[in-house]
Amino acid sequence: MRGGMLLTRRRPVKTQYNNEVVFRPATGSDTSFIFDSWLRSWRTSPAAGTIRNDMYYPTQRATIEGLIGRGAQLEVAALAADPEKILGWACSEQVGPNAVIHYVYTKDAYLTLGIGEALVARCPGTQPGFYTHRYRQVLDACGRDWKHAPEIARRK
């Protein structure tokens, strides 16, 4: 990090957190927060309205478990002073040469710091790539050049 810019091999991302944030792979103790925040936040997305209310939680939980089971990576942004305090996270994978973002979530208090964008920049594969869940934080973190491809989340 240099002067508020996170330098990655893909693109510079403007950040406002200096060295106060660390990025790390998710651990078992992070899973509950990641599932809960994904399920609750995606439920409010207009795109999730296509799932019946009585089927939403089991259907979406199975989707998330399937993504992780096939190798999607969970990356966490946490406080450097307290690495267990999660500020945000991303679920991504590389499909062929392309980066695929399944979901990006940042706690409301940290939305303006560029954490979502930094998480996306760390994802493997050629960027811009694809995103599977049309949610405002995903759209903000990825930018306009990424393509919506929900079918990637459904493949086995």
N, C-alpha and C. Protein backbone atom coordinates (compact mmCIF):
# COMPACT_ATOMS: atom_id res chain seq x y z
N MET A 1 0.85 -1.16 0.00
CA MET A 1 0.00 0.00 0.00
C MET A 1 0.90 1.22 0.00
N ARG A 2 0.58 2.16 -0.86
CA ARG A 2 1.36 3.37 -0.95
C ARG A 2 0.42 4.55 -1.10
N GLY A 3 0.46 5.51 -0.18
CA GLY A 3 -0.33 6.74 -0.30
C GLY A 3 -1.81 6.52 -0.51
N GLY A 4 -2.41 5.59 0.20
CA GLY A 4 -3.84 5.37 0.07
C GLY A 4 -4.23 4.57 -1.17
N MET A 5 -3.25 3.98 -1.86
CA MET A 5 -3.54 3.16 -3.03
C MET A 5 -3.09 1.74 -2.74
N LEU A 6 -3.99 0.80 -2.92
CA LEU A 6 -3.64 -0.61 -2.81
C LEU A 6 -3.14 -1.03 -4.18
N LEU A 7 -1.87 -1.41 -4.26
CA LEU A 7 -1.30 -1.79 -5.54
C LEU A 7 -1.47 -3.29 -5.73
N THR A 8 -2.16 -3.68 -6.77
CA THR A 8 -2.33 -5.09 -7.08
C THR A 8 -1.80 -5.31 -8.47
N ARG A 9 -1.71 -6.55 -8.87
CA ARG A 9 -1.24 -6.81 -10.22
C ARG A 9 -2.31 -6.49 -11.25
N ARG A 10 -3.53 -6.23 -10.81
CA ARG A 10 -4.60 -5.96 -11.75
C ARG A 10 -4.85 -4.48 -11.97
N ARG A 11 -5.11 -3.76 -10.91
CA ARG A 11 -5.44 -2.34 -11.03
C ARG A 11 -5.24 -1.68 -9.68
N PRO A 12 -4.89 -0.40 -9.67
CA PRO A 12 -4.81 0.29 -8.39
C PRO A 12 -6.23 0.57 -7.88
N VAL A 13 -6.43 0.42 -6.59
CA VAL A 13 -7.72 0.65 -5.98
C VAL A 13 -7.55 1.74 -4.93
N LYS A 14 -8.34 2.80 -5.05
CA LYS A 14 -8.26 3.88 -4.07
C LYS A 14 -8.84 3.39 -2.75
N THR A 15 -8.07 3.50 -1.71
CA THR A 15 -8.50 3.06 -0.39
C THR A 15 -8.35 4.21 0.59
N GLN A 16 -9.01 4.09 1.72
CA GLN A 16 -8.93 5.12 2.74
C GLN A 16 -8.66 4.52 4.11
N TYR A 17 -8.04 3.36 4.16
CA TYR A 17 -7.82 2.71 5.45
C TYR A 17 -6.36 2.50 5.77
N ASN A 18 -5.46 2.93 4.88
CA ASN A 18 -4.01 2.80 5.09
C ASN A 18 -3.65 1.36 5.47
N ASN A 19 -2.89 1.18 6.52
CA ASN A 19 -2.45 -0.16 6.92
C ASN A 19 -3.29 -0.73 8.06
N GLU A 20 -4.48 -0.22 8.24
CA GLU A 20 -5.33 -0.65 9.35
C GLU A 20 -6.13 -1.92 9.03
N VAL A 21 -6.09 -2.35 7.79
CA VAL A 21 -6.87 -3.50 7.35
C VAL A 21 -5.93 -4.57 6.81
N VAL A 22 -6.22 -5.83 7.17
CA VAL A 22 -5.48 -6.97 6.62
C VAL A 22 -6.47 -7.83 5.83
N PHE A 23 -5.95 -8.51 4.83
CA PHE A 23 -6.75 -9.42 4.02
C PHE A 23 -6.22 -10.82 4.27
N ARG A 24 -7.15 -11.76 4.46
CA ARG A 24 -6.76 -13.13 4.77
C ARG A 24 -7.84 -14.08 4.28
N PRO A 25 -7.48 -15.34 4.07
CA PRO A 25 -8.51 -16.33 3.74
C PRO A 25 -9.45 -16.50 4.93
N ALA A 26 -10.69 -16.78 4.66
CA ALA A 26 -11.66 -17.02 5.74
C ALA A 26 -11.28 -18.29 6.49
N THR A 27 -11.60 -18.29 7.77
CA THR A 27 -11.38 -19.47 8.61
C THR A 27 -12.74 -20.03 9.02
N GLY A 28 -12.71 -21.18 9.67
CA GLY A 28 -13.95 -21.80 10.13
C GLY A 28 -14.76 -20.91 11.04
N SER A 29 -14.09 -20.10 11.84
CA SER A 29 -14.81 -19.22 12.76
C SER A 29 -15.49 -18.05 12.04
N ASP A 30 -15.13 -17.79 10.78
CA ASP A 30 -15.75 -16.72 10.01
C ASP A 30 -17.03 -17.17 9.30
N THR A 31 -17.20 -18.47 9.17
CA THR A 31 -18.26 -19.01 8.33
C THR A 31 -19.65 -18.56 8.75
N SER A 32 -19.93 -18.56 10.03
CA SER A 32 -21.26 -18.17 10.51
C SER A 32 -21.59 -16.74 10.10
N PHE A 33 -20.64 -15.81 10.31
CA PHE A 33 -20.87 -14.42 9.92
C PHE A 33 -21.05 -14.30 8.41
N ILE A 34 -20.24 -15.00 7.64
CA ILE A 34 -20.32 -14.90 6.18
C ILE A 34 -21.67 -15.41 5.69
N PHE A 35 -22.10 -16.57 6.15
CA PHE A 35 -23.40 -17.10 5.73
C PHE A 35 -24.53 -16.17 6.15
N ASP A 36 -24.50 -15.72 7.40
CA ASP A 36 -25.57 -14.86 7.91
C ASP A 36 -25.65 -13.55 7.13
N SER A 37 -24.52 -12.90 6.92
CA SER A 37 -24.54 -11.61 6.21
C SER A 37 -24.93 -11.80 4.75
N TRP A 38 -24.49 -12.88 4.12
CA TRP A 38 -24.86 -13.14 2.72
C TRP A 38 -26.37 -13.38 2.63
N LEU A 39 -26.88 -14.28 3.46
CA LEU A 39 -28.31 -14.62 3.39
C LEU A 39 -29.20 -13.42 3.69
N ARG A 40 -28.86 -12.65 4.69
CA ARG A 40 -29.70 -11.50 5.06
C ARG A 40 -29.61 -10.36 4.05
N SER A 41 -28.41 -10.05 3.57
CA SER A 41 -28.27 -8.93 2.65
C SER A 41 -28.82 -9.26 1.25
N TRP A 42 -28.58 -10.47 0.77
CA TRP A 42 -29.09 -10.86 -0.54
C TRP A 42 -30.60 -10.92 -0.55
N ARG A 43 -31.19 -11.23 0.58
CA ARG A 43 -32.65 -11.31 0.68
C ARG A 43 -33.31 -9.98 0.35
N THR A 44 -32.62 -8.87 0.60
CA THR A 44 -33.18 -7.54 0.35
C THR A 44 -32.97 -7.09 -1.09
N SER A 45 -32.24 -7.85 -1.88
CA SER A 45 -31.99 -7.48 -3.27
C SER A 45 -33.21 -7.78 -4.12
N PRO A 46 -33.59 -6.85 -5.01
CA PRO A 46 -34.71 -7.15 -5.90
C PRO A 46 -34.50 -8.42 -6.72
N ALA A 47 -33.26 -8.73 -7.04
CA ALA A 47 -32.97 -9.93 -7.83
C ALA A 47 -33.28 -11.21 -7.06
N ALA A 48 -33.26 -11.16 -5.75
CA ALA A 48 -33.56 -12.36 -4.94
C ALA A 48 -35.06 -12.59 -4.83
N GLY A 49 -35.86 -11.66 -5.26
CA GLY A 49 -37.31 -11.77 -5.16
C GLY A 49 -37.90 -12.88 -6.00
N THR A 50 -37.10 -13.48 -6.85
CA THR A 50 -37.60 -14.56 -7.68
C THR A 50 -37.67 -15.89 -6.93
N ILE A 51 -37.14 -15.91 -5.72
CA ILE A 51 -37.18 -17.13 -4.90
C ILE A 51 -38.33 -17.00 -3.92
N ARG A 52 -39.20 -18.00 -3.88
CA ARG A 52 -40.34 -17.95 -2.95
C ARG A 52 -39.85 -17.79 -1.52
N ASN A 53 -40.58 -17.07 -0.70
CA ASN A 53 -40.20 -16.81 0.69
C ASN A 53 -39.92 -18.09 1.48
N ASP A 54 -40.78 -19.10 1.31
CA ASP A 54 -40.59 -20.32 2.08
C ASP A 54 -39.40 -21.16 1.59
N MET A 55 -38.87 -20.82 0.42
CA MET A 55 -37.75 -21.56 -0.15
C MET A 55 -36.43 -20.78 -0.13
N TYR A 56 -36.49 -19.49 0.24
CA TYR A 56 -35.31 -18.64 0.11
C TYR A 56 -34.11 -19.18 0.89
N TYR A 57 -34.24 -19.36 2.21
CA TYR A 57 -33.07 -19.74 3.02
C TYR A 57 -32.51 -21.10 2.64
N PRO A 58 -33.32 -22.15 2.49
CA PRO A 58 -32.72 -23.43 2.10
C PRO A 58 -32.10 -23.40 0.69
N THR A 59 -32.74 -22.69 -0.24
CA THR A 59 -32.22 -22.62 -1.60
C THR A 59 -30.91 -21.85 -1.66
N GLN A 60 -30.88 -20.68 -1.02
CA GLN A 60 -29.67 -19.86 -1.09
C GLN A 60 -28.54 -20.48 -0.27
N ARG A 61 -28.86 -21.09 0.86
CA ARG A 61 -27.82 -21.77 1.65
C ARG A 61 -27.19 -22.89 0.83
N ALA A 62 -28.01 -23.65 0.11
CA ALA A 62 -27.48 -24.72 -0.73
C ALA A 62 -26.60 -24.16 -1.85
N THR A 63 -26.97 -23.01 -2.40
CA THR A 63 -26.15 -22.37 -3.43
C THR A 63 -24.79 -21.98 -2.86
N ILE A 64 -24.77 -21.35 -1.70
CA ILE A 64 -23.51 -20.94 -1.08
C ILE A 64 -22.65 -22.15 -0.75
N GLU A 65 -23.24 -23.16 -0.16
CA GLU A 65 -22.50 -24.38 0.18
C GLU A 65 -21.93 -25.04 -1.09
N GLY A 66 -22.71 -25.02 -2.17
CA GLY A 66 -22.24 -25.59 -3.43
C GLY A 66 -21.05 -24.82 -4.00
N LEU A 67 -21.09 -23.49 -3.90
CA LEU A 67 -19.97 -22.67 -4.39
C LEU A 67 -18.70 -22.98 -3.61
N ILE A 68 -18.82 -23.01 -2.30
CA ILE A 68 -17.66 -23.28 -1.46
C ILE A 68 -17.17 -24.71 -1.67
N GLY A 69 -18.12 -25.64 -1.81
CA GLY A 69 -17.76 -27.03 -2.02
C GLY A 69 -17.01 -27.28 -3.31
N ARG A 70 -17.27 -26.48 -4.31
CA ARG A 70 -16.56 -26.67 -5.59
C ARG A 70 -15.28 -25.85 -5.68
N GLY A 71 -14.95 -25.12 -4.61
CA GLY A 71 -13.65 -24.45 -4.58
C GLY A 71 -13.66 -22.94 -4.60
N ALA A 72 -14.83 -22.31 -4.54
CA ALA A 72 -14.84 -20.84 -4.47
C ALA A 72 -14.12 -20.40 -3.20
N GLN A 73 -13.39 -19.31 -3.29
CA GLN A 73 -12.59 -18.82 -2.18
C GLN A 73 -13.33 -17.73 -1.41
N LEU A 74 -13.15 -17.74 -0.11
CA LEU A 74 -13.67 -16.69 0.75
C LEU A 74 -12.49 -15.90 1.28
N GLU A 75 -12.46 -14.61 0.97
CA GLU A 75 -11.40 -13.71 1.42
C GLU A 75 -12.02 -12.70 2.36
N VAL A 76 -11.35 -12.45 3.48
CA VAL A 76 -11.88 -11.57 4.53
C VAL A 76 -10.99 -10.33 4.65
N ALA A 77 -11.63 -9.19 4.86
CA ALA A 77 -10.93 -7.96 5.24
C ALA A 77 -11.21 -7.78 6.73
N ALA A 78 -10.15 -7.62 7.51
CA ALA A 78 -10.30 -7.51 8.97
C ALA A 78 -9.39 -6.40 9.48
N LEU A 79 -9.64 -6.00 10.71
CA LEU A 79 -8.78 -5.00 11.34
C LEU A 79 -7.40 -5.60 11.59
N ALA A 80 -6.37 -4.86 11.28
CA ALA A 80 -5.00 -5.34 11.53
C ALA A 80 -4.78 -5.54 13.03
N ALA A 81 -5.35 -4.66 13.84
CA ALA A 81 -5.18 -4.75 15.29
C ALA A 81 -5.98 -5.89 15.91
N ASP A 82 -7.03 -6.34 15.21
CA ASP A 82 -7.87 -7.43 15.70
C ASP A 82 -8.35 -8.25 14.49
N PRO A 83 -7.52 -9.17 13.99
CA PRO A 83 -7.85 -9.91 12.76
C PRO A 83 -9.13 -10.73 12.81
N GLU A 84 -9.71 -10.89 13.99
CA GLU A 84 -10.99 -11.60 14.09
C GLU A 84 -12.18 -10.67 13.83
N LYS A 85 -11.96 -9.36 13.81
CA LYS A 85 -13.04 -8.39 13.55
C LYS A 85 -13.15 -8.20 12.04
N ILE A 86 -14.17 -8.81 11.47
CA ILE A 86 -14.39 -8.78 10.02
C ILE A 86 -15.06 -7.46 9.63
N LEU A 87 -14.47 -6.80 8.62
CA LEU A 87 -15.05 -5.58 8.07
C LEU A 87 -15.82 -5.87 6.79
N GLY A 88 -15.38 -6.90 6.09
CA GLY A 88 -16.02 -7.30 4.84
C GLY A 88 -15.42 -8.59 4.33
N TRP A 89 -16.00 -9.12 3.28
CA TRP A 89 -15.52 -10.37 2.72
C TRP A 89 -15.98 -10.49 1.26
N ALA A 90 -15.35 -11.39 0.53
CA ALA A 90 -15.75 -11.66 -0.85
C ALA A 90 -15.68 -13.16 -1.09
N CYS A 91 -16.57 -13.63 -1.94
CA CYS A 91 -16.57 -15.02 -2.41
C CYS A 91 -16.28 -14.97 -3.91
N SER A 92 -15.23 -15.65 -4.33
CA SER A 92 -14.84 -15.60 -5.73
C SER A 92 -14.21 -16.91 -6.17
N GLU A 93 -14.06 -17.04 -7.47
CA GLU A 93 -13.33 -18.17 -8.03
C GLU A 93 -12.82 -17.77 -9.41
N GLN A 94 -11.92 -18.54 -9.92
CA GLN A 94 -11.44 -18.35 -11.27
C GLN A 94 -12.06 -19.44 -12.13
N VAL A 95 -12.70 -19.03 -13.22
CA VAL A 95 -13.31 -19.96 -14.17
C VAL A 95 -12.61 -19.74 -15.51
N GLY A 96 -11.84 -20.73 -15.92
CA GLY A 96 -10.97 -20.53 -17.08
C GLY A 96 -10.00 -19.43 -16.72
N PRO A 97 -9.81 -18.47 -17.61
CA PRO A 97 -8.91 -17.37 -17.27
C PRO A 97 -9.58 -16.24 -16.50
N ASN A 98 -10.91 -16.30 -16.34
CA ASN A 98 -11.68 -15.17 -15.83
C ASN A 98 -11.92 -15.19 -14.33
N ALA A 99 -11.90 -14.00 -13.74
CA ALA A 99 -12.31 -13.84 -12.35
C ALA A 99 -13.83 -13.86 -12.30
N VAL A 100 -14.36 -14.54 -11.29
CA VAL A 100 -15.81 -14.57 -11.06
C VAL A 100 -16.05 -14.16 -9.61
N ILE A 101 -16.82 -13.12 -9.43
CA ILE A 101 -17.21 -12.65 -8.10
C ILE A 101 -18.62 -13.17 -7.83
N HIS A 102 -18.76 -13.97 -6.79
CA HIS A 102 -20.08 -14.45 -6.43
C HIS A 102 -20.76 -13.47 -5.48
N TYR A 103 -20.00 -12.90 -4.57
CA TYR A 103 -20.61 -11.96 -3.63
C TYR A 103 -19.53 -11.13 -2.96
N VAL A 104 -19.88 -9.90 -2.64
CA VAL A 104 -19.03 -9.00 -1.88
C VAL A 104 -19.90 -8.37 -0.80
N TYR A 105 -19.41 -8.37 0.41
CA TYR A 105 -20.15 -7.77 1.51
C TYR A 105 -19.19 -6.95 2.38
N THR A 106 -19.58 -5.73 2.68
CA THR A 106 -18.85 -4.87 3.61
C THR A 106 -19.84 -4.34 4.63
N LYS A 107 -19.45 -4.35 5.89
CA LYS A 107 -20.32 -3.77 6.92
C LYS A 107 -20.58 -2.31 6.59
N ASP A 108 -21.80 -1.85 6.88
CA ASP A 108 -22.21 -0.49 6.52
C ASP A 108 -21.22 0.59 6.97
N ALA A 109 -20.67 0.47 8.16
CA ALA A 109 -19.79 1.50 8.70
C ALA A 109 -18.50 1.65 7.89
N TYR A 110 -18.18 0.67 7.05
CA TYR A 110 -16.91 0.67 6.31
C TYR A 110 -17.11 0.77 4.79
N LEU A 111 -18.33 1.02 4.35
CA LEU A 111 -18.62 1.02 2.92
C LEU A 111 -17.81 2.05 2.13
N THR A 112 -17.51 3.19 2.71
CA THR A 112 -16.84 4.25 1.96
C THR A 112 -15.31 4.13 1.93
N LEU A 113 -14.77 3.06 2.50
CA LEU A 113 -13.32 2.94 2.60
C LEU A 113 -12.66 2.21 1.43
N GLY A 114 -13.43 1.67 0.51
CA GLY A 114 -12.86 0.97 -0.63
C GLY A 114 -12.53 -0.49 -0.36
N ILE A 115 -13.08 -1.04 0.72
CA ILE A 115 -12.77 -2.42 1.08
C ILE A 115 -13.33 -3.40 0.06
N GLY A 116 -14.55 -3.19 -0.40
CA GLY A 116 -15.13 -4.07 -1.41
C GLY A 116 -14.30 -4.09 -2.69
N GLU A 117 -13.89 -2.92 -3.13
CA GLU A 117 -13.06 -2.82 -4.34
C GLU A 117 -11.72 -3.53 -4.14
N ALA A 118 -11.13 -3.37 -2.96
CA ALA A 118 -9.85 -4.03 -2.67
C ALA A 118 -10.01 -5.55 -2.66
N LEU A 119 -11.12 -6.05 -2.11
CA LEU A 119 -11.38 -7.49 -2.11
C LEU A 119 -11.51 -8.00 -3.54
N VAL A 120 -12.23 -7.27 -4.38
CA VAL A 120 -12.38 -7.68 -5.78
C VAL A 120 -11.03 -7.69 -6.48
N ALA A 121 -10.22 -6.69 -6.24
CA ALA A 121 -8.91 -6.60 -6.90
C ALA A 121 -8.01 -7.79 -6.54
N ARG A 122 -8.25 -8.40 -5.40
CA ARG A 122 -7.43 -9.53 -4.93
C ARG A 122 -7.88 -10.88 -5.51
N CYS A 123 -9.01 -10.91 -6.19
CA CYS A 123 -9.55 -12.17 -6.69
C CYS A 123 -8.72 -12.69 -7.85
N PRO A 124 -8.58 -14.03 -7.94
CA PRO A 124 -7.78 -14.60 -9.02
C PRO A 124 -8.50 -14.51 -10.37
N GLY A 125 -7.73 -14.46 -11.43
CA GLY A 125 -8.28 -14.45 -12.78
C GLY A 125 -8.22 -13.09 -13.43
N THR A 126 -8.51 -13.09 -14.72
CA THR A 126 -8.49 -11.87 -15.52
C THR A 126 -9.66 -10.98 -15.13
N GLN A 127 -9.36 -9.71 -14.94
CA GLN A 127 -10.38 -8.73 -14.59
C GLN A 127 -10.42 -7.63 -15.63
N PRO A 128 -11.59 -7.09 -15.95
CA PRO A 128 -12.89 -7.43 -15.39
C PRO A 128 -13.36 -8.81 -15.86
N GLY A 129 -14.15 -9.42 -15.02
CA GLY A 129 -14.66 -10.74 -15.31
C GLY A 129 -16.17 -10.77 -15.21
N PHE A 130 -16.67 -11.68 -14.38
CA PHE A 130 -18.11 -11.89 -14.25
C PHE A 130 -18.53 -11.82 -12.78
N TYR A 131 -19.79 -11.48 -12.55
CA TYR A 131 -20.37 -11.57 -11.20
C TYR A 131 -21.68 -12.33 -11.31
N THR A 132 -22.01 -13.06 -10.24
CA THR A 132 -23.19 -13.94 -10.30
C THR A 132 -24.39 -13.43 -9.53
N HIS A 133 -24.18 -12.60 -8.51
CA HIS A 133 -25.29 -12.09 -7.70
C HIS A 133 -25.38 -10.57 -7.91
N ARG A 134 -26.51 -10.12 -8.46
CA ARG A 134 -26.71 -8.69 -8.72
C ARG A 134 -27.17 -8.02 -7.42
N TYR A 135 -26.20 -7.54 -6.67
CA TYR A 135 -26.44 -6.89 -5.39
C TYR A 135 -25.65 -5.58 -5.39
N ARG A 136 -26.16 -4.54 -4.77
CA ARG A 136 -25.55 -3.22 -4.90
C ARG A 136 -24.08 -3.20 -4.50
N GLN A 137 -23.69 -3.91 -3.44
CA GLN A 137 -22.28 -3.91 -3.05
C GLN A 137 -21.40 -4.62 -4.08
N VAL A 138 -21.93 -5.64 -4.70
CA VAL A 138 -21.19 -6.34 -5.75
C VAL A 138 -21.00 -5.39 -6.93
N LEU A 139 -22.08 -4.73 -7.35
CA LEU A 139 -22.00 -3.80 -8.48
C LEU A 139 -21.04 -2.65 -8.19
N ASP A 140 -21.09 -2.09 -6.98
CA ASP A 140 -20.19 -1.00 -6.62
C ASP A 140 -18.74 -1.44 -6.61
N ALA A 141 -18.47 -2.62 -6.09
CA ALA A 141 -17.08 -3.10 -5.97
C ALA A 141 -16.51 -3.52 -7.32
N CYS A 142 -17.33 -4.08 -8.18
CA CYS A 142 -16.84 -4.56 -9.47
C CYS A 142 -16.73 -3.45 -10.51
N GLY A 143 -17.66 -2.56 -10.53
CA GLY A 143 -17.66 -1.52 -11.56
C GLY A 143 -18.43 -1.95 -12.79
N ARG A 144 -18.50 -1.04 -13.74
CA ARG A 144 -19.37 -1.23 -14.91
C ARG A 144 -18.86 -2.24 -15.94
N ASP A 145 -17.58 -2.54 -15.93
CA ASP A 145 -17.03 -3.40 -16.97
C ASP A 145 -17.23 -4.90 -16.72
N TRP A 146 -17.66 -5.25 -15.52
CA TRP A 146 -17.91 -6.65 -15.21
C TRP A 146 -19.26 -7.06 -15.80
N LYS A 147 -19.40 -8.32 -16.17
CA LYS A 147 -20.63 -8.83 -16.79
C LYS A 147 -21.40 -9.73 -15.83
N HIS A 148 -22.72 -9.56 -15.83
CA HIS A 148 -23.59 -10.38 -14.99
C HIS A 148 -23.78 -11.74 -15.64
N ALA A 149 -23.44 -12.80 -14.93
CA ALA A 149 -23.57 -14.16 -15.44
C ALA A 149 -24.02 -15.07 -14.30
N PRO A 150 -25.30 -15.00 -13.92
CA PRO A 150 -25.79 -15.78 -12.77
C PRO A 150 -25.69 -17.28 -12.97
N GLU A 151 -25.68 -17.72 -14.21
CA GLU A 151 -25.62 -19.16 -14.48
C GLU A 151 -24.33 -19.80 -13.97
N ILE A 152 -23.27 -19.01 -13.82
CA ILE A 152 -22.01 -19.58 -13.33
C ILE A 152 -22.18 -20.12 -11.90
N ALA A 153 -23.02 -19.47 -11.10
CA ALA A 153 -23.25 -19.93 -9.72
C ALA A 153 -24.04 -21.23 -9.67
N ARG A 154 -24.74 -21.52 -10.75
CA ARG A 154 -25.60 -22.71 -10.76
C ARG A 154 -24.95 -23.94 -11.34
N ARG A 155 -23.79 -23.77 -11.98
CA ARG A 155 -23.15 -24.95 -12.58
C ARG A 155 -22.62 -25.86 -11.49
N LYS A 156 -22.50 -27.11 -11.80
CA LYS A 156 -22.02 -28.09 -10.82
C LYS A 156 -20.53 -28.24 -10.93
